[in-house]
Amino acid sequence: MRATETHLRQIIREVLLQDATLADVEPEAATATRRYDNRLPGSEDPHIYTRNRDISVNRRGAKRLWNKHADLSFFNDPQSLFVWHYLGFFSDNKSLYDYFSLDKVKIGAVPGIDLPARDELSCYGKIVSDMTHPPDEGPYFTFKEYRVTFASKGDAETEWISRASPEDIERFKSSGLRKRPYPGMSFTAFPIDRAGAQEAKARLLEEVIIDNWIIDTYYIPSGYRADHETEYAEKLGLKYEIIR
């Protein structure tokens, strides 16, 4: 059944010359989501796990619609879309210790290194045919396993895992902490296939959310505490490479 649905979707896209973004297939939802966009002074920080039910429902709904329409065979194919994560790009926590504290992990059974991590992670993505190497923005991870759960041409202002409270962690303990787009962002920013990804500025997807991820290689700039980071990577059993 799944193969038949995929084939039908491919036929429909060919007839329509490909859908590019979520707005093309969900125009009514794209309009409705904007009513929750509150950026007035004193409004809620978009990066926390909100207690506002309307905003939570809207976040989940946008992500659910993306998964309904997205060509996941494209987004999850490492031969088509290259995915990487800059360490601490927004938080400035650019050390392995900030991700894998030795006092909180068990060597040999570290989620994200030895087994799939359930907490979602914000990454960047670029079509492989356009990619030579990631822009020089600091240390980064590549992955040998992952599943894409959302993609955006811009910063989708998803929740920051580091801002999760103990209550949030308890609430999401069965699934892992989720990352979802903040209400108000135009659905035209959410590509659902290769055509949409190609429309992004410099064909760069600024936010690609992944779960069930395992790191393949940790790339460390030679001038960035390389000795400390390589020593720590060795303790964790993580493959690394020094880049210049």
C-alpha atoms as a PDB file:
ATOM      1  CA  MET A   1       0.000   0.000   0.000  1.00  0.00           C
ATOM      2  CA  ARG A   2       2.785   2.403   0.912  1.00  0.00           C
ATOM      3  CA  ALA A   3       4.548   1.791  -2.408  1.00  0.00           C
ATOM      4  CA  THR A   4       1.297   2.501  -4.270  1.00  0.00           C
ATOM      5  CA  GLU A   5       0.764   5.770  -2.369  1.00  0.00           C
ATOM      6  CA  THR A   6       4.323   6.846  -3.117  1.00  0.00           C
ATOM      7  CA  HIS A   7       3.882   6.072  -6.811  1.00  0.00           C
ATOM      8  CA  LEU A   8       0.612   8.026  -6.957  1.00  0.00           C
ATOM      9  CA  ARG A   9       2.251  10.988  -5.244  1.00  0.00           C
ATOM     10  CA  GLN A  10       5.052  10.939  -7.802  1.00  0.00           C
ATOM     11  CA  ILE A  11       2.531  10.890 -10.658  1.00  0.00           C
ATOM     12  CA  ILE A  12       0.579  13.797  -9.167  1.00  0.00           C
ATOM     13  CA  ARG A  13       3.760  15.840  -8.755  1.00  0.00           C
ATOM     14  CA  GLU A  14       4.741  15.247 -12.356  1.00  0.00           C
ATOM     15  CA  VAL A  15       1.313  16.413 -13.498  1.00  0.00           C
ATOM     16  CA  LEU A  16       1.508  19.551 -11.340  1.00  0.00           C
ATOM     17  CA  LEU A  17       5.159  20.189 -12.280  1.00  0.00           C
ATOM     18  CA  GLN A  18       6.024  19.462  -8.657  1.00  0.00           C
ATOM     19  CA  ASP A  19       4.746  21.086  -5.477  1.00  0.00           C
ATOM     20  CA  ALA A  20       7.462  23.284  -4.036  1.00  0.00           C
ATOM     21  CA  THR A  21       6.330  24.174  -0.520  1.00  0.00           C
ATOM     22  CA  LEU A  22       3.750  23.287   2.098  1.00  0.00           C
ATOM     23  CA  ALA A  23       1.790  26.425   1.168  1.00  0.00           C
ATOM     24  CA  ASP A  24       1.079  24.930  -2.260  1.00  0.00           C
ATOM     25  CA  VAL A  25      -0.770  21.945  -0.815  1.00  0.00           C
ATOM     26  CA  GLU A  26      -2.170  23.432   2.417  1.00  0.00           C
ATOM     27  CA  PRO A  27      -3.150  27.043   1.521  1.00  0.00           C
ATOM     28  CA  GLU A  28      -5.920  27.299   4.142  1.00  0.00           C
ATOM     29  CA  ALA A  29      -3.692  26.043   6.948  1.00  0.00           C
ATOM     30  CA  ALA A  30      -0.945  28.387   5.779  1.00  0.00           C
ATOM     31  CA  THR A  31      -3.276  31.346   6.308  1.00  0.00           C
ATOM     32  CA  ALA A  32      -4.716  30.136   9.610  1.00  0.00           C
ATOM     33  CA  THR A  33      -1.345  29.656  11.306  1.00  0.00           C
ATOM     34  CA  ARG A  34      -0.504  33.361  11.187  1.00  0.00           C
ATOM     35  CA  ARG A  35      -3.084  34.336  13.791  1.00  0.00           C
ATOM     36  CA  TYR A  36      -0.873  32.892  16.533  1.00  0.00           C
ATOM     37  CA  ASP A  37       2.132  35.013  15.596  1.00  0.00           C
ATOM     38  CA  ASN A  38       2.476  37.287  18.629  1.00  0.00           C
ATOM     39  CA  ARG A  39       5.708  39.295  18.661  1.00  0.00           C
ATOM     40  CA  LEU A  40       4.539  42.114  20.907  1.00  0.00           C
ATOM     41  CA  PRO A  41       6.903  43.275  23.687  1.00  0.00           C
ATOM     42  CA  GLY A  42       6.725  40.802  26.544  1.00  0.00           C
ATOM     43  CA  SER A  43       5.390  37.998  24.381  1.00  0.00           C
ATOM     44  CA  GLU A  44       6.505  34.435  24.977  1.00  0.00           C
ATOM     45  CA  ASP A  45      10.016  33.334  23.989  1.00  0.00           C
ATOM     46  CA  PRO A  46       9.512  31.153  20.878  1.00  0.00           C
ATOM     47  CA  HIS A  47      12.342  28.809  21.891  1.00  0.00           C
ATOM     48  CA  ILE A  48      10.790  27.455  25.084  1.00  0.00           C
ATOM     49  CA  TYR A  49       8.308  24.608  25.415  1.00  0.00           C
ATOM     50  CA  THR A  50       5.136  26.651  25.685  1.00  0.00           C
ATOM     51  CA  ARG A  51       2.213  26.011  28.008  1.00  0.00           C
ATOM     52  CA  ASN A  52      -0.054  27.873  25.566  1.00  0.00           C
ATOM     53  CA  ARG A  53      -2.340  25.170  24.179  1.00  0.00           C
ATOM     54  CA  ASP A  54      -3.185  27.030  20.944  1.00  0.00           C
ATOM     55  CA  ILE A  55       0.467  27.568  20.098  1.00  0.00           C
ATOM     56  CA  SER A  56       1.363  23.959  20.940  1.00  0.00           C
ATOM     57  CA  VAL A  57      -1.443  22.640  18.737  1.00  0.00           C
ATOM     58  CA  ASN A  58      -0.330  24.950  15.935  1.00  0.00           C
ATOM     59  CA  ARG A  59       3.295  23.824  16.209  1.00  0.00           C
ATOM     60  CA  ARG A  60       2.329  20.159  16.093  1.00  0.00           C
ATOM     61  CA  GLY A  61      -0.126  20.732  13.259  1.00  0.00           C
ATOM     62  CA  ALA A  62       2.398  22.435  10.985  1.00  0.00           C
ATOM     63  CA  LYS A  63       4.905  19.648  11.529  1.00  0.00           C
ATOM     64  CA  ARG A  64       2.271  16.965  10.992  1.00  0.00           C
ATOM     65  CA  LEU A  65       1.205  18.571   7.689  1.00  0.00           C
ATOM     66  CA  TRP A  66       4.824  18.756   6.544  1.00  0.00           C
ATOM     67  CA  ASN A  67       5.294  15.037   7.216  1.00  0.00           C
ATOM     68  CA  LYS A  68       2.038  14.281   5.403  1.00  0.00           C
ATOM     69  CA  HIS A  69       3.129  15.987   2.180  1.00  0.00           C
ATOM     70  CA  ALA A  70       6.939  15.903   2.214  1.00  0.00           C
ATOM     71  CA  ASP A  71       8.876  13.686  -0.166  1.00  0.00           C
ATOM     72  CA  LEU A  72      10.667  11.855   2.631  1.00  0.00           C
ATOM     73  CA  SER A  73      12.574   9.706   0.155  1.00  0.00           C
ATOM     74  CA  PHE A  74      14.395  12.911  -0.862  1.00  0.00           C
ATOM     75  CA  PHE A  75      14.933  14.404   2.598  1.00  0.00           C
ATOM     76  CA  ASN A  76      16.181  11.119   4.082  1.00  0.00           C
ATOM     77  CA  ASP A  77      18.501  10.230   1.208  1.00  0.00           C
ATOM     78  CA  PRO A  78      22.095  11.266   2.077  1.00  0.00           C
ATOM     79  CA  GLN A  79      22.933  10.979  -1.617  1.00  0.00           C
ATOM     80  CA  SER A  80      20.398  13.742  -2.328  1.00  0.00           C
ATOM     81  CA  LEU A  81      20.482  16.002   0.750  1.00  0.00           C
ATOM     82  CA  PHE A  82      23.604  16.545   2.832  1.00  0.00           C
ATOM     83  CA  VAL A  83      22.775  17.156   6.508  1.00  0.00           C
ATOM     84  CA  TRP A  84      25.143  18.514   9.168  1.00  0.00           C
ATOM     85  CA  HIS A  85      24.988  20.142  12.602  1.00  0.00           C
ATOM     86  CA  TYR A  86      27.152  23.040  13.774  1.00  0.00           C
ATOM     87  CA  LEU A  87      27.986  22.711  17.445  1.00  0.00           C
ATOM     88  CA  GLY A  88      26.518  25.573  19.484  1.00  0.00           C
ATOM     89  CA  PHE A  89      25.645  27.700  16.450  1.00  0.00           C
ATOM     90  CA  PHE A  90      23.085  29.704  18.466  1.00  0.00           C
ATOM     91  CA  SER A  91      23.930  28.794  22.065  1.00  0.00           C
ATOM     92  CA  ASP A  92      27.707  29.199  21.585  1.00  0.00           C
ATOM     93  CA  ASN A  93      28.249  25.861  23.348  1.00  0.00           C
ATOM     94  CA  LYS A  94      30.807  24.613  20.860  1.00  0.00           C
ATOM     95  CA  SER A  95      32.371  21.770  22.831  1.00  0.00           C
ATOM     96  CA  LEU A  96      31.596  18.063  22.903  1.00  0.00           C
ATOM     97  CA  TYR A  97      31.251  18.392  26.668  1.00  0.00           C
ATOM     98  CA  ASP A  98      28.131  20.523  26.193  1.00  0.00           C
ATOM     99  CA  TYR A  99      26.546  17.669  24.248  1.00  0.00           C
ATOM    100  CA  PHE A 100      27.933  14.613  26.035  1.00  0.00           C
ATOM    101  CA  SER A 101      28.888  15.345  29.618  1.00  0.00           C
ATOM    102  CA  LEU A 102      30.903  12.433  30.999  1.00  0.00           C
ATOM    103  CA  ASP A 103      29.008  12.588  34.279  1.00  0.00           C
ATOM    104  CA  LYS A 104      25.702  12.055  32.436  1.00  0.00           C
ATOM    105  CA  VAL A 105      26.554   9.387  29.862  1.00  0.00           C
ATOM    106  CA  LYS A 106      27.733   5.801  29.960  1.00  0.00           C
ATOM    107  CA  ILE A 107      30.719   5.181  27.709  1.00  0.00           C
ATOM    108  CA  GLY A 108      29.821   2.576  25.117  1.00  0.00           C
ATOM    109  CA  ALA A 109      26.106   3.359  25.313  1.00  0.00           C
ATOM    110  CA  VAL A 110      25.929   7.057  24.494  1.00  0.00           C
ATOM    111  CA  PRO A 111      22.790   8.212  22.619  1.00  0.00           C
ATOM    112  CA  GLY A 112      23.934   9.951  19.453  1.00  0.00           C
ATOM    113  CA  ILE A 113      27.249   8.061  19.358  1.00  0.00           C
ATOM    114  CA  ASP A 114      26.596   4.390  20.114  1.00  0.00           C
ATOM    115  CA  LEU A 115      22.817   4.267  19.722  1.00  0.00           C
ATOM    116  CA  PRO A 116      20.144   6.517  18.209  1.00  0.00           C
ATOM    117  CA  ALA A 117      19.390   9.729  20.097  1.00  0.00           C
ATOM    118  CA  ARG A 118      15.662  10.373  20.522  1.00  0.00           C
ATOM    119  CA  ASP A 119      15.860  14.101  21.291  1.00  0.00           C
ATOM    120  CA  GLU A 120      15.528  15.976  18.014  1.00  0.00           C
ATOM    121  CA  LEU A 121      18.404  18.055  16.677  1.00  0.00           C
ATOM    122  CA  SER A 122      18.474  21.159  14.473  1.00  0.00           C
ATOM    123  CA  CYS A 123      20.762  20.825  11.464  1.00  0.00           C
ATOM    124  CA  TYR A 124      21.494  22.447   8.128  1.00  0.00           C
ATOM    125  CA  GLY A 125      20.880  20.824   4.776  1.00  0.00           C
ATOM    126  CA  LYS A 126      22.027  21.317   1.218  1.00  0.00           C
ATOM    127  CA  ILE A 127      21.440  19.447  -2.007  1.00  0.00           C
ATOM    128  CA  VAL A 128      24.420  17.157  -2.531  1.00  0.00           C
ATOM    129  CA  SER A 129      25.038  18.291  -6.110  1.00  0.00           C
ATOM    130  CA  ASP A 130      25.556  21.853  -4.783  1.00  0.00           C
ATOM    131  CA  MET A 131      27.744  20.868  -1.846  1.00  0.00           C
ATOM    132  CA  THR A 132      31.523  20.776  -1.638  1.00  0.00           C
ATOM    133  CA  HIS A 133      31.792  21.180   2.141  1.00  0.00           C
ATOM    134  CA  PRO A 134      29.861  23.078   4.825  1.00  0.00           C
ATOM    135  CA  PRO A 135      30.609  26.812   5.134  1.00  0.00           C
ATOM    136  CA  ASP A 136      33.360  27.539   7.653  1.00  0.00           C
ATOM    137  CA  GLU A 137      31.200  28.202  10.709  1.00  0.00           C
ATOM    138  CA  GLY A 138      33.007  26.137  13.316  1.00  0.00           C
ATOM    139  CA  PRO A 139      32.982  22.496  14.476  1.00  0.00           C
ATOM    140  CA  TYR A 140      30.256  20.270  13.066  1.00  0.00           C
ATOM    141  CA  PHE A 141      28.814  16.750  13.053  1.00  0.00           C
ATOM    142  CA  THR A 142      27.857  14.574  10.112  1.00  0.00           C
ATOM    143  CA  PHE A 143      25.620  11.555  10.594  1.00  0.00           C
ATOM    144  CA  LYS A 144      25.500   7.901   9.624  1.00  0.00           C
ATOM    145  CA  GLU A 145      21.913   7.449  10.797  1.00  0.00           C
ATOM    146  CA  TYR A 146      19.013   9.888  11.154  1.00  0.00           C
ATOM    147  CA  ARG A 147      15.418  10.574  10.164  1.00  0.00           C
ATOM    148  CA  VAL A 148      14.317  13.999   8.926  1.00  0.00           C
ATOM    149  CA  THR A 149      11.115  15.162  10.624  1.00  0.00           C
ATOM    150  CA  PHE A 150      10.929  18.741   9.321  1.00  0.00           C
ATOM    151  CA  ALA A 151      12.705  21.184   7.012  1.00  0.00           C
ATOM    152  CA  SER A 152      12.630  24.941   6.501  1.00  0.00           C
ATOM    153  CA  LYS A 153      14.342  27.422   4.202  1.00  0.00           C
ATOM    154  CA  GLY A 154      14.787  29.768   7.177  1.00  0.00           C
ATOM    155  CA  ASP A 155      15.195  29.577  10.933  1.00  0.00           C
ATOM    156  CA  ALA A 156      11.892  28.013  12.054  1.00  0.00           C
ATOM    157  CA  GLU A 157      12.454  29.162  15.662  1.00  0.00           C
ATOM    158  CA  THR A 158      11.959  25.667  16.981  1.00  0.00           C
ATOM    159  CA  GLU A 159      12.256  24.862  20.681  1.00  0.00           C
ATOM    160  CA  TRP A 160      15.760  24.746  22.120  1.00  0.00           C
ATOM    161  CA  ILE A 161      16.414  21.420  23.831  1.00  0.00           C
ATOM    162  CA  SER A 162      18.764  23.232  26.223  1.00  0.00           C
ATOM    163  CA  ARG A 163      15.811  25.329  27.433  1.00  0.00           C
ATOM    164  CA  ALA A 164      13.704  22.305  28.377  1.00  0.00           C
ATOM    165  CA  SER A 165      12.600  22.220  32.021  1.00  0.00           C
ATOM    166  CA  PRO A 166      12.515  19.060  34.147  1.00  0.00           C
ATOM    167  CA  GLU A 167       8.753  19.043  33.556  1.00  0.00           C
ATOM    168  CA  ASP A 168       9.286  19.196  29.791  1.00  0.00           C
ATOM    169  CA  ILE A 169      11.768  16.337  29.935  1.00  0.00           C
ATOM    170  CA  GLU A 170       9.305  14.240  31.925  1.00  0.00           C
ATOM    171  CA  ARG A 171       6.480  15.098  29.513  1.00  0.00           C
ATOM    172  CA  PHE A 172       8.493  13.966  26.470  1.00  0.00           C
ATOM    173  CA  LYS A 173      10.371  11.067  28.085  1.00  0.00           C
ATOM    174  CA  SER A 174       8.654   8.423  25.954  1.00  0.00           C
ATOM    175  CA  SER A 175       9.336  10.132  22.618  1.00  0.00           C
ATOM    176  CA  GLY A 176      12.322  12.372  23.243  1.00  0.00           C
ATOM    177  CA  LEU A 177      12.220  16.181  23.185  1.00  0.00           C
ATOM    178  CA  ARG A 178      10.558  17.535  20.042  1.00  0.00           C
ATOM    179  CA  LYS A 179      11.451  20.556  17.908  1.00  0.00           C
ATOM    180  CA  ARG A 180       8.591  22.216  16.010  1.00  0.00           C
ATOM    181  CA  PRO A 181       8.164  25.410  13.956  1.00  0.00           C
ATOM    182  CA  TYR A 182       6.926  28.528  15.697  1.00  0.00           C
ATOM    183  CA  PRO A 183       3.468  29.749  14.562  1.00  0.00           C
ATOM    184  CA  GLY A 184       3.370  32.629  12.119  1.00  0.00           C
ATOM    185  CA  MET A 185       6.163  31.504   9.823  1.00  0.00           C
ATOM    186  CA  SER A 186       4.904  31.322   6.258  1.00  0.00           C
ATOM    187  CA  PHE A 187       4.319  27.830   4.895  1.00  0.00           C
ATOM    188  CA  THR A 188       6.129  28.998   1.758  1.00  0.00           C
ATOM    189  CA  ALA A 189       9.313  28.586   3.812  1.00  0.00           C
ATOM    190  CA  PHE A 190       8.704  24.852   4.271  1.00  0.00           C
ATOM    191  CA  PRO A 191       9.911  22.911   1.194  1.00  0.00           C
ATOM    192  CA  ILE A 192       8.315  19.534   0.642  1.00  0.00           C
ATOM    193  CA  ASP A 193      10.526  18.197  -2.147  1.00  0.00           C
ATOM    194  CA  ARG A 194      13.690  18.805  -4.132  1.00  0.00           C
ATOM    195  CA  ALA A 195      12.050  21.628  -6.091  1.00  0.00           C
ATOM    196  CA  GLY A 196      11.296  23.499  -2.884  1.00  0.00           C
ATOM    197  CA  ALA A 197      14.798  22.940  -1.534  1.00  0.00           C
ATOM    198  CA  GLN A 198      16.261  24.292  -4.762  1.00  0.00           C
ATOM    199  CA  GLU A 199      14.303  27.529  -4.268  1.00  0.00           C
ATOM    200  CA  ALA A 200      16.041  28.247  -0.951  1.00  0.00           C
ATOM    201  CA  LYS A 201      18.636  31.023  -0.876  1.00  0.00           C
ATOM    202  CA  ALA A 202      21.924  29.481  -1.983  1.00  0.00           C
ATOM    203  CA  ARG A 203      19.931  26.227  -1.970  1.00  0.00           C
ATOM    204  CA  LEU A 204      20.630  26.047   1.763  1.00  0.00           C
ATOM    205  CA  LEU A 205      18.012  24.783   4.212  1.00  0.00           C
ATOM    206  CA  GLU A 206      18.662  26.663   7.432  1.00  0.00           C
ATOM    207  CA  GLU A 207      16.751  24.214   9.596  1.00  0.00           C
ATOM    208  CA  VAL A 208      16.504  20.481   9.068  1.00  0.00           C
ATOM    209  CA  ILE A 209      15.199  18.635  12.130  1.00  0.00           C
ATOM    210  CA  ILE A 210      16.347  15.060  12.674  1.00  0.00           C
ATOM    211  CA  ASP A 211      15.678  12.347  15.231  1.00  0.00           C
ATOM    212  CA  ASN A 212      17.056   8.830  15.780  1.00  0.00           C
ATOM    213  CA  TRP A 213      20.447  10.236  14.906  1.00  0.00           C
ATOM    214  CA  ILE A 214      23.921   8.758  15.306  1.00  0.00           C
ATOM    215  CA  ILE A 215      26.990  10.854  14.556  1.00  0.00           C
ATOM    216  CA  ASP A 216      29.367   9.626  11.886  1.00  0.00           C
ATOM    217  CA  THR A 217      32.242  12.125  12.214  1.00  0.00           C
ATOM    218  CA  TYR A 218      33.060  15.151  14.368  1.00  0.00           C
ATOM    219  CA  TYR A 219      34.936  17.771  12.290  1.00  0.00           C
ATOM    220  CA  ILE A 220      37.153  20.042  14.385  1.00  0.00           C
ATOM    221  CA  PRO A 221      38.803  23.244  13.061  1.00  0.00           C
ATOM    222  CA  SER A 222      42.536  23.063  13.735  1.00  0.00           C
ATOM    223  CA  GLY A 223      42.565  26.362  15.635  1.00  0.00           C
ATOM    224  CA  TYR A 224      39.564  25.548  17.811  1.00  0.00           C
ATOM    225  CA  ARG A 225      40.765  23.848  21.019  1.00  0.00           C
ATOM    226  CA  ALA A 226      41.625  20.892  18.828  1.00  0.00           C
ATOM    227  CA  ASP A 227      43.780  19.101  21.411  1.00  0.00           C
ATOM    228  CA  HIS A 228      41.064  19.262  24.064  1.00  0.00           C
ATOM    229  CA  GLU A 229      38.281  18.261  21.673  1.00  0.00           C
ATOM    230  CA  THR A 230      40.160  15.340  20.132  1.00  0.00           C
ATOM    231  CA  GLU A 231      41.032  13.995  23.591  1.00  0.00           C
ATOM    232  CA  TYR A 232      37.391  14.218  24.619  1.00  0.00           C
ATOM    233  CA  ALA A 233      36.217  12.576  21.387  1.00  0.00           C
ATOM    234  CA  GLU A 234      38.579   9.671  22.054  1.00  0.00           C
ATOM    235  CA  LYS A 235      37.134   9.231  25.548  1.00  0.00           C
ATOM    236  CA  LEU A 236      33.658   9.073  24.052  1.00  0.00           C
ATOM    237  CA  GLY A 237      34.686   6.713  21.269  1.00  0.00           C
ATOM    238  CA  LEU A 238      33.649   9.258  18.625  1.00  0.00           C
ATOM    239  CA  LYS A 239      35.354   9.382  15.229  1.00  0.00           C
ATOM    240  CA  TYR A 240      36.809  12.819  14.465  1.00  0.00           C
ATOM    241  CA  GLU A 241      38.778  14.672  11.833  1.00  0.00           C
ATOM    242  CA  ILE A 242      40.834  17.856  12.084  1.00  0.00           C
ATOM    243  CA  ILE A 243      39.999  20.385   9.340  1.00  0.00           C
ATOM    244  CA  ARG A 244      42.079  23.360   8.312  1.00  0.00           C
END
